Amino acid sequence: MAFKPLHDRVVVRRVESEEKTAGGLIIPDTAKEKPAEGVVIAVGEGARDDDGKRIPMDVKEGDRILFGKWSGTEVTLDGEELLIMKESDIMGIIS
């Protein structure tokens, strides 16, 4: 990918949601919500504080994350739909 996010932004690939419920019901595409889970595929260098020092990022490439339902901006890069969001939009890392 020829895209590098700046400052405290990250590029995220959504993880597809389950096709079935726990009870075995198949969820049609029209009823599915966009997943709020993804994998970080690119990370900026981090924001700067008031003194100009770099604030290190808490996430790294390959981290599986949860983010808010309306977080980020959807973009298409190299034919793939991705999200670009600020690190503060990420709720947590799934271990």
C-alpha atoms as a PDB file:
ATOM      1  CA  MET A   1       0.000   0.000   0.000  1.00  0.00           C
ATOM      2  CA  ALA A   2       1.381   3.400  -0.973  1.00  0.00           C
ATOM      3  CA  PHE A   3      -0.353   5.353   1.812  1.00  0.00           C
ATOM      4  CA  LYS A   4       1.133   6.414   5.141  1.00  0.00           C
ATOM      5  CA  PRO A   5      -1.136   8.089   7.692  1.00  0.00           C
ATOM      6  CA  LEU A   6       0.121  11.254   9.360  1.00  0.00           C
ATOM      7  CA  HIS A   7       0.323  12.212  13.026  1.00  0.00           C
ATOM      8  CA  ASP A   8      -2.034  10.155  15.254  1.00  0.00           C
ATOM      9  CA  ARG A   9      -4.057   8.554  12.465  1.00  0.00           C
ATOM     10  CA  VAL A  10      -4.349   4.850  11.686  1.00  0.00           C
ATOM     11  CA  VAL A  11      -5.602   2.863   8.688  1.00  0.00           C
ATOM     12  CA  VAL A  12      -7.956   0.014   9.614  1.00  0.00           C
ATOM     13  CA  ARG A  13      -9.342  -2.949   7.665  1.00  0.00           C
ATOM     14  CA  ARG A  14     -12.749  -3.983   8.988  1.00  0.00           C
ATOM     15  CA  VAL A  15     -13.139  -7.583  10.152  1.00  0.00           C
ATOM     16  CA  GLU A  16     -16.225  -9.186   8.621  1.00  0.00           C
ATOM     17  CA  SER A  17     -19.057  -9.934  11.031  1.00  0.00           C
ATOM     18  CA  GLU A  18     -20.493 -13.373  11.641  1.00  0.00           C
ATOM     19  CA  GLU A  19     -22.901 -14.853   9.095  1.00  0.00           C
ATOM     20  CA  LYS A  20     -24.904 -16.666  11.806  1.00  0.00           C
ATOM     21  CA  THR A  21     -26.158 -15.857  15.270  1.00  0.00           C
ATOM     22  CA  ALA A  22     -25.177 -17.980  18.271  1.00  0.00           C
ATOM     23  CA  GLY A  23     -28.494 -19.816  17.863  1.00  0.00           C
ATOM     24  CA  GLY A  24     -27.697 -20.717  14.247  1.00  0.00           C
ATOM     25  CA  LEU A  25     -29.890 -18.162  12.445  1.00  0.00           C
ATOM     26  CA  ILE A  26     -28.410 -16.822   9.219  1.00  0.00           C
ATOM     27  CA  ILE A  27     -28.219 -13.023   9.119  1.00  0.00           C
ATOM     28  CA  PRO A  28     -29.039 -11.557   5.676  1.00  0.00           C
ATOM     29  CA  ASP A  29     -26.701  -8.873   4.271  1.00  0.00           C
ATOM     30  CA  THR A  30     -29.446  -6.246   4.501  1.00  0.00           C
ATOM     31  CA  ALA A  31     -29.757  -6.770   8.281  1.00  0.00           C
ATOM     32  CA  LYS A  32     -26.036  -6.767   9.062  1.00  0.00           C
ATOM     33  CA  GLU A  33     -24.450  -3.777  10.706  1.00  0.00           C
ATOM     34  CA  LYS A  34     -20.981  -2.705   9.721  1.00  0.00           C
ATOM     35  CA  PRO A  35     -18.566  -4.296  12.160  1.00  0.00           C
ATOM     36  CA  ALA A  36     -16.895  -2.090  14.749  1.00  0.00           C
ATOM     37  CA  GLU A  37     -13.878  -4.376  14.831  1.00  0.00           C
ATOM     38  CA  GLY A  38     -10.833  -4.227  12.616  1.00  0.00           C
ATOM     39  CA  VAL A  39      -7.136  -4.778  12.110  1.00  0.00           C
ATOM     40  CA  VAL A  40      -4.664  -1.895  12.030  1.00  0.00           C
ATOM     41  CA  ILE A  41      -2.711  -1.986   8.762  1.00  0.00           C
ATOM     42  CA  ALA A  42      -0.808   1.328   8.961  1.00  0.00           C
ATOM     43  CA  VAL A  43       0.059   3.740  11.776  1.00  0.00           C
ATOM     44  CA  GLY A  44       1.225   7.361  11.777  1.00  0.00           C
ATOM     45  CA  GLU A  45       4.218   8.499  13.800  1.00  0.00           C
ATOM     46  CA  GLY A  46       2.103  10.049  16.554  1.00  0.00           C
ATOM     47  CA  ALA A  47       0.960  13.560  17.456  1.00  0.00           C
ATOM     48  CA  ARG A  48       3.232  16.180  19.001  1.00  0.00           C
ATOM     49  CA  ASP A  49       2.807  17.716  22.433  1.00  0.00           C
ATOM     50  CA  ASP A  50       3.102  21.442  23.244  1.00  0.00           C
ATOM     51  CA  ASP A  51       6.909  21.169  23.406  1.00  0.00           C
ATOM     52  CA  GLY A  52       7.083  19.550  19.952  1.00  0.00           C
ATOM     53  CA  LYS A  53       7.983  16.117  21.308  1.00  0.00           C
ATOM     54  CA  ARG A  54       6.419  13.085  19.596  1.00  0.00           C
ATOM     55  CA  ILE A  55       3.716  11.264  21.598  1.00  0.00           C
ATOM     56  CA  PRO A  56       4.138   7.526  20.877  1.00  0.00           C
ATOM     57  CA  MET A  57       1.164   5.591  19.489  1.00  0.00           C
ATOM     58  CA  ASP A  58      -0.485   2.919  21.653  1.00  0.00           C
ATOM     59  CA  VAL A  59      -1.479   0.762  18.656  1.00  0.00           C
ATOM     60  CA  LYS A  60       0.743  -0.886  16.073  1.00  0.00           C
ATOM     61  CA  GLU A  61       0.276  -2.630  12.753  1.00  0.00           C
ATOM     62  CA  GLY A  62      -1.480  -5.977  13.159  1.00  0.00           C
ATOM     63  CA  ASP A  63      -3.400  -5.040  16.338  1.00  0.00           C
ATOM     64  CA  ARG A  64      -7.040  -6.153  16.385  1.00  0.00           C
ATOM     65  CA  ILE A  65      -9.115  -3.224  17.671  1.00  0.00           C
ATOM     66  CA  LEU A  66     -12.627  -2.083  18.574  1.00  0.00           C
ATOM     67  CA  PHE A  67     -13.784   1.358  17.465  1.00  0.00           C
ATOM     68  CA  GLY A  68     -16.945   3.470  17.607  1.00  0.00           C
ATOM     69  CA  LYS A  69     -19.784   2.812  15.183  1.00  0.00           C
ATOM     70  CA  TRP A  70     -19.380   6.171  13.419  1.00  0.00           C
ATOM     71  CA  SER A  71     -15.588   6.421  13.720  1.00  0.00           C
ATOM     72  CA  GLY A  72     -13.268   7.194  10.878  1.00  0.00           C
ATOM     73  CA  THR A  73     -13.535   8.101   7.226  1.00  0.00           C
ATOM     74  CA  GLU A  74     -14.173   5.376   4.661  1.00  0.00           C
ATOM     75  CA  VAL A  75     -11.748   5.387   1.727  1.00  0.00           C
ATOM     76  CA  THR A  76     -10.896   3.010  -1.090  1.00  0.00           C
ATOM     77  CA  LEU A  77      -7.169   2.343  -1.540  1.00  0.00           C
ATOM     78  CA  ASP A  78      -5.896  -0.151  -4.104  1.00  0.00           C
ATOM     79  CA  GLY A  79      -9.492  -1.360  -4.602  1.00  0.00           C
ATOM     80  CA  GLU A  80      -9.969  -2.165  -0.910  1.00  0.00           C
ATOM     81  CA  GLU A  81     -12.388  -0.365   1.426  1.00  0.00           C
ATOM     82  CA  LEU A  82     -10.524   0.900   4.504  1.00  0.00           C
ATOM     83  CA  LEU A  83     -11.054   3.326   7.368  1.00  0.00           C
ATOM     84  CA  ILE A  84      -8.780   6.189   8.369  1.00  0.00           C
ATOM     85  CA  MET A  85      -9.316   7.311  11.950  1.00  0.00           C
ATOM     86  CA  LYS A  86      -7.574   9.068  14.808  1.00  0.00           C
ATOM     87  CA  GLU A  87      -6.100   6.920  17.526  1.00  0.00           C
ATOM     88  CA  SER A  88      -8.520   8.521  20.010  1.00  0.00           C
ATOM     89  CA  ASP A  89     -11.454   6.905  18.097  1.00  0.00           C
ATOM     90  CA  ILE A  90     -10.134   3.459  19.062  1.00  0.00           C
ATOM     91  CA  MET A  91     -11.813   2.049  22.172  1.00  0.00           C
ATOM     92  CA  GLY A  92      -9.372  -0.772  22.812  1.00  0.00           C
ATOM     93  CA  ILE A  93      -7.091  -3.530  21.590  1.00  0.00           C
ATOM     94  CA  ILE A  94      -8.358  -7.116  21.544  1.00  0.00           C
ATOM     95  CA  SER A  95      -5.710  -9.517  22.808  1.00  0.00           C
END
